Amino acid sequence: MGDSLLDRFEQRVVPLIDDAYTLARHLMGDEHDAQDIVQEAYLRAWRYFAGFGGGDERAWLLTIVRNCCYTSRRTARGANVVPYDDEQHGLH
């Protein structure tokens, strides 16, 4: 009998956690943000692992980590933007 999906994920992707953290730490510049990114990346990796066509699991996972970092940074920048409201400032 073959390995289950979970077994394959644990054997091939989970051991790459140090590489994932190193990349996230480099891109985010903060250890706590990097930990959050790795957690999000592993959730995404697990969600889409069944559709992973094979190949280099490390490259696949690190792409997910990189995309999570970019999404996090883009979202954080957008969270600080407050739209200007003419009516609020007495200009109508």
PDB file of N, CA and C in Angstrom:
ATOM      1  N   MET A   1       0.845  -1.171   0.000  1.00  0.00           N
ATOM      2  CA  MET A   1       0.000   0.000   0.000  1.00  0.00           C
ATOM      3  C   MET A   1       0.892   1.236   0.000  1.00  0.00           C
ATOM      4  N   GLY A   2       0.502   2.268  -0.764  1.00  0.00           N
ATOM      5  CA  GLY A   2       1.286   3.487  -0.883  1.00  0.00           C
ATOM      6  C   GLY A   2       1.134   4.390   0.326  1.00  0.00           C
ATOM      7  N   ASP A   3       2.013   5.374   0.371  1.00  0.00           N
ATOM      8  CA  ASP A   3       1.946   6.362   1.442  1.00  0.00           C
ATOM      9  C   ASP A   3       0.713   7.229   1.265  1.00  0.00           C
ATOM     10  N   SER A   4       0.147   7.650   2.379  1.00  0.00           N
ATOM     11  CA  SER A   4      -0.977   8.577   2.313  1.00  0.00           C
ATOM     12  C   SER A   4      -0.454   9.959   1.947  1.00  0.00           C
ATOM     13  N   LEU A   5      -1.368  10.829   1.598  1.00  0.00           N
ATOM     14  CA  LEU A   5      -1.013  12.203   1.261  1.00  0.00           C
ATOM     15  C   LEU A   5      -0.299  12.872   2.444  1.00  0.00           C
ATOM     16  N   LEU A   6      -0.828  12.648   3.643  1.00  0.00           N
ATOM     17  CA  LEU A   6      -0.214  13.217   4.839  1.00  0.00           C
ATOM     18  C   LEU A   6       1.191  12.681   5.044  1.00  0.00           C
ATOM     19  N   ASP A   7       1.388  11.382   4.846  1.00  0.00           N
ATOM     20  CA  ASP A   7       2.726  10.787   4.986  1.00  0.00           C
ATOM     21  C   ASP A   7       3.712  11.424   4.009  1.00  0.00           C
ATOM     22  N   ARG A   8       3.287  11.593   2.750  1.00  0.00           N
ATOM     23  CA  ARG A   8       4.169  12.203   1.752  1.00  0.00           C
ATOM     24  C   ARG A   8       4.496  13.645   2.118  1.00  0.00           C
ATOM     25  N   PHE A   9       3.498  14.386   2.596  1.00  0.00           N
ATOM     26  CA  PHE A   9       3.722  15.773   3.013  1.00  0.00           C
ATOM     27  C   PHE A   9       4.729  15.819   4.167  1.00  0.00           C
ATOM     28  N   GLU A  10       4.538  14.958   5.148  1.00  0.00           N
ATOM     29  CA  GLU A  10       5.439  14.927   6.306  1.00  0.00           C
ATOM     30  C   GLU A  10       6.858  14.516   5.914  1.00  0.00           C
ATOM     31  N   GLN A  11       6.997  13.636   4.958  1.00  0.00           N
ATOM     32  CA  GLN A  11       8.309  13.163   4.534  1.00  0.00           C
ATOM     33  C   GLN A  11       9.029  14.159   3.634  1.00  0.00           C
ATOM     34  N   ARG A  12       8.291  14.859   2.777  1.00  0.00           N
ATOM     35  CA  ARG A  12       8.919  15.679   1.747  1.00  0.00           C
ATOM     36  C   ARG A  12       8.917  17.174   2.029  1.00  0.00           C
ATOM     37  N   VAL A  13       7.904  17.680   2.717  1.00  0.00           N
ATOM     38  CA  VAL A  13       7.755  19.124   2.882  1.00  0.00           C
ATOM     39  C   VAL A  13       8.103  19.578   4.294  1.00  0.00           C
ATOM     40  N   VAL A  14       7.648  18.851   5.292  1.00  0.00           N
ATOM     41  CA  VAL A  14       7.900  19.261   6.681  1.00  0.00           C
ATOM     42  C   VAL A  14       9.398  19.407   6.976  1.00  0.00           C
ATOM     43  N   PRO A  15      10.264  18.531   6.490  1.00  0.00           N
ATOM     44  CA  PRO A  15      11.700  18.701   6.785  1.00  0.00           C
ATOM     45  C   PRO A  15      12.317  19.976   6.206  1.00  0.00           C
ATOM     46  N   LEU A  16      11.608  20.677   5.348  1.00  0.00           N
ATOM     47  CA  LEU A  16      12.133  21.890   4.723  1.00  0.00           C
ATOM     48  C   LEU A  16      11.837  23.147   5.534  1.00  0.00           C
ATOM     49  N   ILE A  17      11.352  22.968   6.741  1.00  0.00           N
ATOM     50  CA  ILE A  17      10.911  24.112   7.538  1.00  0.00           C
ATOM     51  C   ILE A  17      12.039  25.098   7.830  1.00  0.00           C
ATOM     52  N   ASP A  18      13.254  24.613   8.036  1.00  0.00           N
ATOM     53  CA  ASP A  18      14.377  25.531   8.293  1.00  0.00           C
ATOM     54  C   ASP A  18      14.669  26.402   7.078  1.00  0.00           C
ATOM     55  N   ASP A  19      14.603  25.814   5.897  1.00  0.00           N
ATOM     56  CA  ASP A  19      14.808  26.590   4.665  1.00  0.00           C
ATOM     57  C   ASP A  19      13.701  27.631   4.508  1.00  0.00           C
ATOM     58  N   ALA A  20      12.475  27.230   4.820  1.00  0.00           N
ATOM     59  CA  ALA A  20      11.344  28.152   4.712  1.00  0.00           C
ATOM     60  C   ALA A  20      11.521  29.317   5.683  1.00  0.00           C
ATOM     61  N   TYR A  21      11.928  29.020   6.907  1.00  0.00           N
ATOM     62  CA  TYR A  21      12.120  30.080   7.905  1.00  0.00           C
ATOM     63  C   TYR A  21      13.260  31.014   7.505  1.00  0.00           C
ATOM     64  N   THR A  22      14.349  30.451   7.015  1.00  0.00           N
ATOM     65  CA  THR A  22      15.495  31.268   6.607  1.00  0.00           C
ATOM     66  C   THR A  22      15.095  32.260   5.525  1.00  0.00           C
ATOM     67  N   LEU A  23      14.347  31.805   4.536  1.00  0.00           N
ATOM     68  CA  LEU A  23      13.899  32.702   3.469  1.00  0.00           C
ATOM     69  C   LEU A  23      12.943  33.754   4.016  1.00  0.00           C
ATOM     70  N   ALA A  24      11.985  33.338   4.822  1.00  0.00           N
ATOM     71  CA  ALA A  24      11.016  34.289   5.376  1.00  0.00           C
ATOM     72  C   ALA A  24      11.715  35.319   6.257  1.00  0.00           C
ATOM     73  N   ARG A  25      12.675  34.899   7.022  1.00  0.00           N
ATOM     74  CA  ARG A  25      13.416  35.819   7.902  1.00  0.00           C
ATOM     75  C   ARG A  25      14.189  36.831   7.067  1.00  0.00           C
ATOM     76  N   HIS A  26      14.780  36.362   5.995  1.00  0.00           N
ATOM     77  CA  HIS A  26      15.534  37.241   5.102  1.00  0.00           C
ATOM     78  C   HIS A  26      14.603  38.272   4.445  1.00  0.00           C
ATOM     79  N   LEU A  27      13.457  37.830   3.959  1.00  0.00           N
ATOM     80  CA  LEU A  27      12.549  38.718   3.249  1.00  0.00           C
ATOM     81  C   LEU A  27      11.779  39.658   4.174  1.00  0.00           C
ATOM     82  N   MET A  28      11.451  39.184   5.368  1.00  0.00           N
ATOM     83  CA  MET A  28      10.633  39.993   6.280  1.00  0.00           C
ATOM     84  C   MET A  28      11.479  40.836   7.236  1.00  0.00           C
ATOM     85  N   GLY A  29      12.687  40.380   7.560  1.00  0.00           N
ATOM     86  CA  GLY A  29      13.553  41.137   8.451  1.00  0.00           C
ATOM     87  C   GLY A  29      13.159  41.070   9.911  1.00  0.00           C
ATOM     88  N   ASP A  30      12.234  40.198  10.258  1.00  0.00           N
ATOM     89  CA  ASP A  30      11.765  40.097  11.635  1.00  0.00           C
ATOM     90  C   ASP A  30      11.443  38.639  11.937  1.00  0.00           C
ATOM     91  N   GLU A  31      11.933  38.130  13.046  1.00  0.00           N
ATOM     92  CA  GLU A  31      11.749  36.708  13.345  1.00  0.00           C
ATOM     93  C   GLU A  31      10.288  36.346  13.599  1.00  0.00           C
ATOM     94  N   HIS A  32       9.540  37.232  14.245  1.00  0.00           N
ATOM     95  CA  HIS A  32       8.136  36.929  14.535  1.00  0.00           C
ATOM     96  C   HIS A  32       7.295  36.946  13.259  1.00  0.00           C
ATOM     97  N   ASP A  33       7.542  37.924  12.396  1.00  0.00           N
ATOM     98  CA  ASP A  33       6.854  37.949  11.103  1.00  0.00           C
ATOM     99  C   ASP A  33       7.209  36.712  10.295  1.00  0.00           C
ATOM    100  N   ALA A  34       8.463  36.313  10.345  1.00  0.00           N
ATOM    101  CA  ALA A  34       8.909  35.126   9.606  1.00  0.00           C
ATOM    102  C   ALA A  34       8.195  33.875  10.110  1.00  0.00           C
ATOM    103  N   GLN A  35       8.022  33.765  11.405  1.00  0.00           N
ATOM    104  CA  GLN A  35       7.310  32.614  11.959  1.00  0.00           C
ATOM    105  C   GLN A  35       5.869  32.587  11.472  1.00  0.00           C
ATOM    106  N   ASP A  36       5.224  33.752  11.451  1.00  0.00           N
ATOM    107  CA  ASP A  36       3.845  33.828  10.947  1.00  0.00           C
ATOM    108  C   ASP A  36       3.774  33.447   9.475  1.00  0.00           C
ATOM    109  N   ILE A  37       4.756  33.915   8.710  1.00  0.00           N
ATOM    110  CA  ILE A  37       4.798  33.607   7.278  1.00  0.00           C
ATOM    111  C   ILE A  37       4.958  32.111   7.051  1.00  0.00           C
ATOM    112  N   VAL A  38       5.857  31.490   7.795  1.00  0.00           N
ATOM    113  CA  VAL A  38       6.086  30.046   7.624  1.00  0.00           C
ATOM    114  C   VAL A  38       4.820  29.268   7.969  1.00  0.00           C
ATOM    115  N   GLN A  39       4.135  29.677   9.022  1.00  0.00           N
ATOM    116  CA  GLN A  39       2.889  29.008   9.378  1.00  0.00           C
ATOM    117  C   GLN A  39       1.871  29.138   8.239  1.00  0.00           C
ATOM    118  N   GLU A  40       1.709  30.335   7.721  1.00  0.00           N
ATOM    119  CA  GLU A  40       0.780  30.552   6.609  1.00  0.00           C
ATOM    120  C   GLU A  40       1.205  29.750   5.371  1.00  0.00           C
ATOM    121  N   ALA A  41       2.487  29.744   5.088  1.00  0.00           N
ATOM    122  CA  ALA A  41       2.993  29.017   3.920  1.00  0.00           C
ATOM    123  C   ALA A  41       2.729  27.514   4.042  1.00  0.00           C
ATOM    124  N   TYR A  42       2.929  26.972   5.228  1.00  0.00           N
ATOM    125  CA  TYR A  42       2.680  25.537   5.407  1.00  0.00           C
ATOM    126  C   TYR A  42       1.189  25.221   5.311  1.00  0.00           C
ATOM    127  N   LEU A  43       0.348  26.113   5.778  1.00  0.00           N
ATOM    128  CA  LEU A  43      -1.097  25.896   5.605  1.00  0.00           C
ATOM    129  C   LEU A  43      -1.457  25.883   4.126  1.00  0.00           C
ATOM    130  N   ARG A  44      -0.904  26.821   3.379  1.00  0.00           N
ATOM    131  CA  ARG A  44      -1.160  26.855   1.933  1.00  0.00           C
ATOM    132  C   ARG A  44      -0.576  25.633   1.245  1.00  0.00           C
ATOM    133  N   ALA A  45       0.634  25.255   1.629  1.00  0.00           N
ATOM    134  CA  ALA A  45       1.275  24.087   1.019  1.00  0.00           C
ATOM    135  C   ALA A  45       0.440  22.831   1.256  1.00  0.00           C
ATOM    136  N   TRP A  46      -0.049  22.663   2.463  1.00  0.00           N
ATOM    137  CA  TRP A  46      -0.877  21.492   2.751  1.00  0.00           C
ATOM    138  C   TRP A  46      -2.172  21.537   1.937  1.00  0.00           C
ATOM    139  N   ARG A  47      -2.776  22.733   1.860  1.00  0.00           N
ATOM    140  CA  ARG A  47      -4.040  22.885   1.128  1.00  0.00           C
ATOM    141  C   ARG A  47      -3.886  22.472  -0.334  1.00  0.00           C
ATOM    142  N   TYR A  48      -2.735  22.772  -0.927  1.00  0.00           N
ATOM    143  CA  TYR A  48      -2.538  22.518  -2.362  1.00  0.00           C
ATOM    144  C   TYR A  48      -1.616  21.344  -2.663  1.00  0.00           C
ATOM    145  N   PHE A  49      -1.201  20.613  -1.651  1.00  0.00           N
ATOM    146  CA  PHE A  49      -0.256  19.521  -1.865  1.00  0.00           C
ATOM    147  C   PHE A  49      -0.823  18.423  -2.755  1.00  0.00           C
ATOM    148  N   ALA A  50      -2.098  18.148  -2.635  1.00  0.00           N
ATOM    149  CA  ALA A  50      -2.711  17.097  -3.465  1.00  0.00           C
ATOM    150  C   ALA A  50      -2.595  17.429  -4.952  1.00  0.00           C
ATOM    151  N   GLY A  51      -2.576  18.715  -5.286  1.00  0.00           N
ATOM    152  CA  GLY A  51      -2.463  19.129  -6.677  1.00  0.00           C
ATOM    153  C   GLY A  51      -1.034  19.347  -7.142  1.00  0.00           C
ATOM    154  N   PHE A  52      -0.077  19.194  -6.227  1.00  0.00           N
ATOM    155  CA  PHE A  52       1.334  19.360  -6.592  1.00  0.00           C
ATOM    156  C   PHE A  52       1.723  18.224  -7.517  1.00  0.00           C
ATOM    157  N   GLY A  53       2.201  18.568  -8.678  1.00  0.00           N
ATOM    158  CA  GLY A  53       2.482  17.572  -9.697  1.00  0.00           C
ATOM    159  C   GLY A  53       3.789  16.833  -9.544  1.00  0.00           C
ATOM    160  N   GLY A  54       4.499  17.083  -8.482  1.00  0.00           N
ATOM    161  CA  GLY A  54       5.789  16.446  -8.291  1.00  0.00           C
ATOM    162  C   GLY A  54       6.902  17.397  -8.685  1.00  0.00           C
ATOM    163  N   GLY A  55       8.090  16.947  -8.553  1.00  0.00           N
ATOM    164  CA  GLY A  55       9.231  17.794  -8.863  1.00  0.00           C
ATOM    165  C   GLY A  55       9.953  18.201  -7.591  1.00  0.00           C
ATOM    166  N   ASP A  56      10.471  19.390  -7.605  1.00  0.00           N
ATOM    167  CA  ASP A  56      11.286  19.885  -6.506  1.00  0.00           C
ATOM    168  C   ASP A  56      10.412  20.503  -5.419  1.00  0.00           C
ATOM    169  N   GLU A  57      10.181  19.749  -4.350  1.00  0.00           N
ATOM    170  CA  GLU A  57       9.333  20.235  -3.262  1.00  0.00           C
ATOM    171  C   GLU A  57       9.912  21.486  -2.612  1.00  0.00           C
ATOM    172  N   ARG A  58      11.228  21.571  -2.531  1.00  0.00           N
ATOM    173  CA  ARG A  58      11.864  22.720  -1.900  1.00  0.00           C
ATOM    174  C   ARG A  58      11.573  23.997  -2.689  1.00  0.00           C
ATOM    175  N   ALA A  59      11.759  23.945  -3.993  1.00  0.00           N
ATOM    176  CA  ALA A  59      11.480  25.116  -4.834  1.00  0.00           C
ATOM    177  C   ALA A  59      10.010  25.494  -4.755  1.00  0.00           C
ATOM    178  N   TRP A  60       9.134  24.506  -4.753  1.00  0.00           N
ATOM    179  CA  TRP A  60       7.696  24.743  -4.658  1.00  0.00           C
ATOM    180  C   TRP A  60       7.344  25.427  -3.337  1.00  0.00           C
ATOM    181  N   LEU A  61       7.851  24.892  -2.231  1.00  0.00           N
ATOM    182  CA  LEU A  61       7.564  25.461  -0.920  1.00  0.00           C
ATOM    183  C   LEU A  61       8.134  26.875  -0.788  1.00  0.00           C
ATOM    184  N   LEU A  62       9.360  27.084  -1.240  1.00  0.00           N
ATOM    185  CA  LEU A  62       9.971  28.406  -1.107  1.00  0.00           C
ATOM    186  C   LEU A  62       9.262  29.446  -1.976  1.00  0.00           C
ATOM    187  N   THR A  63       8.669  29.015  -3.063  1.00  0.00           N
ATOM    188  CA  THR A  63       7.854  29.928  -3.862  1.00  0.00           C
ATOM    189  C   THR A  63       6.620  30.345  -3.068  1.00  0.00           C
ATOM    190  N   ILE A  64       6.024  29.410  -2.371  1.00  0.00           N
ATOM    191  CA  ILE A  64       4.868  29.728  -1.530  1.00  0.00           C
ATOM    192  C   ILE A  64       5.287  30.692  -0.416  1.00  0.00           C
ATOM    193  N   VAL A  65       6.431  30.432   0.209  1.00  0.00           N
ATOM    194  CA  VAL A  65       6.926  31.317   1.267  1.00  0.00           C
ATOM    195  C   VAL A  65       7.147  32.721   0.718  1.00  0.00           C
ATOM    196  N   ARG A  66       7.796  32.814  -0.417  1.00  0.00           N
ATOM    197  CA  ARG A  66       8.064  34.121  -1.025  1.00  0.00           C
ATOM    198  C   ARG A  66       6.755  34.857  -1.324  1.00  0.00           C
ATOM    199  N   ASN A  67       5.785  34.160  -1.877  1.00  0.00           N
ATOM    200  CA  ASN A  67       4.502  34.792  -2.183  1.00  0.00           C
ATOM    201  C   ASN A  67       3.772  35.231  -0.918  1.00  0.00           C
ATOM    202  N   CYS A  68       3.863  34.446   0.139  1.00  0.00           N
ATOM    203  CA  CYS A  68       3.257  34.840   1.422  1.00  0.00           C
ATOM    204  C   CYS A  68       3.920  36.101   1.961  1.00  0.00           C
ATOM    205  N   CYS A  69       5.233  36.196   1.822  1.00  0.00           N
ATOM    206  CA  CYS A  69       5.955  37.395   2.268  1.00  0.00           C
ATOM    207  C   CYS A  69       5.501  38.609   1.484  1.00  0.00           C
ATOM    208  N   TYR A  70       5.432  38.485   0.176  1.00  0.00           N
ATOM    209  CA  TYR A  70       5.021  39.614  -0.654  1.00  0.00           C
ATOM    210  C   TYR A  70       3.588  40.031  -0.334  1.00  0.00           C
ATOM    211  N   THR A  71       2.714  39.059  -0.148  1.00  0.00           N
ATOM    212  CA  THR A  71       1.324  39.360   0.189  1.00  0.00           C
ATOM    213  C   THR A  71       1.251  40.067   1.543  1.00  0.00           C
ATOM    214  N   SER A  72       2.001  39.588   2.500  1.00  0.00           N
ATOM    215  CA  SER A  72       2.001  40.190   3.832  1.00  0.00           C
ATOM    216  C   SER A  72       2.503  41.628   3.789  1.00  0.00           C
ATOM    217  N   ARG A  73       3.566  41.850   3.061  1.00  0.00           N
ATOM    218  CA  ARG A  73       4.130  43.200   2.967  1.00  0.00           C
ATOM    219  C   ARG A  73       3.183  44.143   2.232  1.00  0.00           C
ATOM    220  N   ARG A  74       2.568  43.660   1.170  1.00  0.00           N
ATOM    221  CA  ARG A  74       1.631  44.478   0.402  1.00  0.00           C
ATOM    222  C   ARG A  74       0.407  44.805   1.256  1.00  0.00           C
ATOM    223  N   THR A  75      -0.097  43.841   2.000  1.00  0.00           N
ATOM    224  CA  THR A  75      -1.251  44.044   2.873  1.00  0.00           C
ATOM    225  C   THR A  75      -0.912  45.018   3.992  1.00  0.00           C
ATOM    226  N   ALA A  76       0.279  44.892   4.558  1.00  0.00           N
ATOM    227  CA  ALA A  76       0.691  45.782   5.645  1.00  0.00           C
ATOM    228  C   ALA A  76       0.795  47.224   5.153  1.00  0.00           C
ATOM    229  N   ARG A  77       1.317  47.409   3.956  1.00  0.00           N
ATOM    230  CA  ARG A  77       1.406  48.768   3.394  1.00  0.00           C
ATOM    231  C   ARG A  77       0.015  49.338   3.168  1.00  0.00           C
ATOM    232  N   GLY A  78      -0.889  48.529   2.663  1.00  0.00           N
ATOM    233  CA  GLY A  78      -2.240  48.980   2.394  1.00  0.00           C
ATOM    234  C   GLY A  78      -3.022  49.286   3.661  1.00  0.00           C
ATOM    235  N   ALA A  79      -2.672  48.625   4.755  1.00  0.00           N
ATOM    236  CA  ALA A  79      -3.385  48.839   6.014  1.00  0.00           C
ATOM    237  C   ALA A  79      -3.093  50.209   6.596  1.00  0.00           C
ATOM    238  N   ASN A  80      -1.976  50.799   6.215  1.00  0.00           N
ATOM    239  CA  ASN A  80      -1.606  52.102   6.748  1.00  0.00           C
ATOM    240  C   ASN A  80      -2.151  53.259   5.923  1.00  0.00           C
ATOM    241  N   VAL A  81      -2.788  52.957   4.824  1.00  0.00           N
ATOM    242  CA  VAL A  81      -3.313  54.004   3.946  1.00  0.00           C
ATOM    243  C   VAL A  81      -4.730  54.364   4.389  1.00  0.00           C
ATOM    244  N   VAL A  82      -4.940  55.639   4.632  1.00  0.00           N
ATOM    245  CA  VAL A  82      -6.266  56.132   5.004  1.00  0.00           C
ATOM    246  C   VAL A  82      -6.764  56.997   3.853  1.00  0.00           C
ATOM    247  N   PRO A  83      -7.892  56.618   3.249  1.00  0.00           N
ATOM    248  CA  PRO A  83      -8.382  57.417   2.132  1.00  0.00           C
ATOM    249  C   PRO A  83      -8.794  58.809   2.603  1.00  0.00           C
ATOM    250  N   TYR A  84      -8.514  59.784   1.770  1.00  0.00           N
ATOM    251  CA  TYR A  84      -8.874  61.169   2.071  1.00  0.00           C
ATOM    252  C   TYR A  84     -10.348  61.360   1.791  1.00  0.00           C
ATOM    253  N   ASP A  85     -11.055  61.924   2.760  1.00  0.00           N
ATOM    254  CA  ASP A  85     -12.491  62.143   2.637  1.00  0.00           C
ATOM    255  C   ASP A  85     -12.758  63.636   2.650  1.00  0.00           C
ATOM    256  N   ASP A  86     -13.174  64.187   1.502  1.00  0.00           N
ATOM    257  CA  ASP A  86     -13.441  65.629   1.387  1.00  0.00           C
ATOM    258  C   ASP A  86     -14.450  66.099   2.425  1.00  0.00           C
ATOM    259  N   GLU A  87     -15.533  65.358   2.592  1.00  0.00           N
ATOM    260  CA  GLU A  87     -16.576  65.780   3.522  1.00  0.00           C
ATOM    261  C   GLU A  87     -16.078  65.821   4.960  1.00  0.00           C
ATOM    262  N   GLN A  88     -15.273  64.883   5.329  1.00  0.00           N
ATOM    263  CA  GLN A  88     -14.734  64.836   6.687  1.00  0.00           C
ATOM    264  C   GLN A  88     -13.846  66.051   6.960  1.00  0.00           C
ATOM    265  N   HIS A  89     -13.165  66.512   5.943  1.00  0.00           N
ATOM    266  CA  HIS A  89     -12.250  67.630   6.101  1.00  0.00           C
ATOM    267  C   HIS A  89     -12.879  68.961   5.704  1.00  0.00           C
ATOM    268  N   GLY A  90     -14.199  68.976   5.520  1.00  0.00           N
ATOM    269  CA  GLY A  90     -14.926  70.221   5.251  1.00  0.00           C
ATOM    270  C   GLY A  90     -14.818  70.728   3.824  1.00  0.00           C
ATOM    271  N   LEU A  91     -14.402  69.875   2.894  1.00  0.00           N
ATOM    272  CA  LEU A  91     -14.286  70.278   1.491  1.00  0.00           C
ATOM    273  C   LEU A  91     -15.329  69.509   0.681  1.00  0.00           C
ATOM    274  N   HIS A  92     -16.441  70.170   0.372  1.00  0.00           N
ATOM    275  CA  HIS A  92     -17.445  69.495  -0.447  1.00  0.00           C
ATOM    276  C   HIS A  92     -18.043  70.377  -1.454  1.00  0.00           C
TER     277      HIS A  92
END
